[in-house]
Amino acid sequence: MSESETETEYKQRFMARVAAARIARNLKQWQIAEALGMPQDKYKQYEKRSLLPHHLIGRFCILTGIDPDWLVTGRGQKPMKAIQLVAPEVEPVTKPKRGRSKKAA
C-alpha cells in the first residue's frame, strides 16, 4: 500500500484484483469457493466486502495462476484472460443401422 493510498482504497483495489483473477480464468464464484473449501456466499464477500484471508492467498493464486505479489500489491503482471479454444462445428457421427443380413440361399 502506498503512502497516498488509504486503507479503504487499498481494500477496494485488492478485492477488484481478486475478482479480476477469477474472471480472467473464466471461473465462477462457486468453483473458486468449492476449491477453497467454503460456501459461495462466503467467497463472494472476498470480492465485495472483505479481504481474502492471508492463509487462502497462496491457494487462490495457484487456482487462478496469478502472481501473489500482483494480488497483494497490484504491481507486476496482471492476469491474462484464458484462451477459450473453440472447435469447429462437426456433425455428429452416427452408427450405421444394423439390419438383418440375408443369407444367400
Foldseek 3Di string as FASTA:
>chain_A
DDPVDDPVNLLLVLLCLLVQLCVLAVHDLQVLQVQQVHHSVVSVCCNPPGPDDPVCLVVSCVVSVHDSCCSNPVDDDRRHRDDDDDDPDDDDDDDDDDDDDDDDD
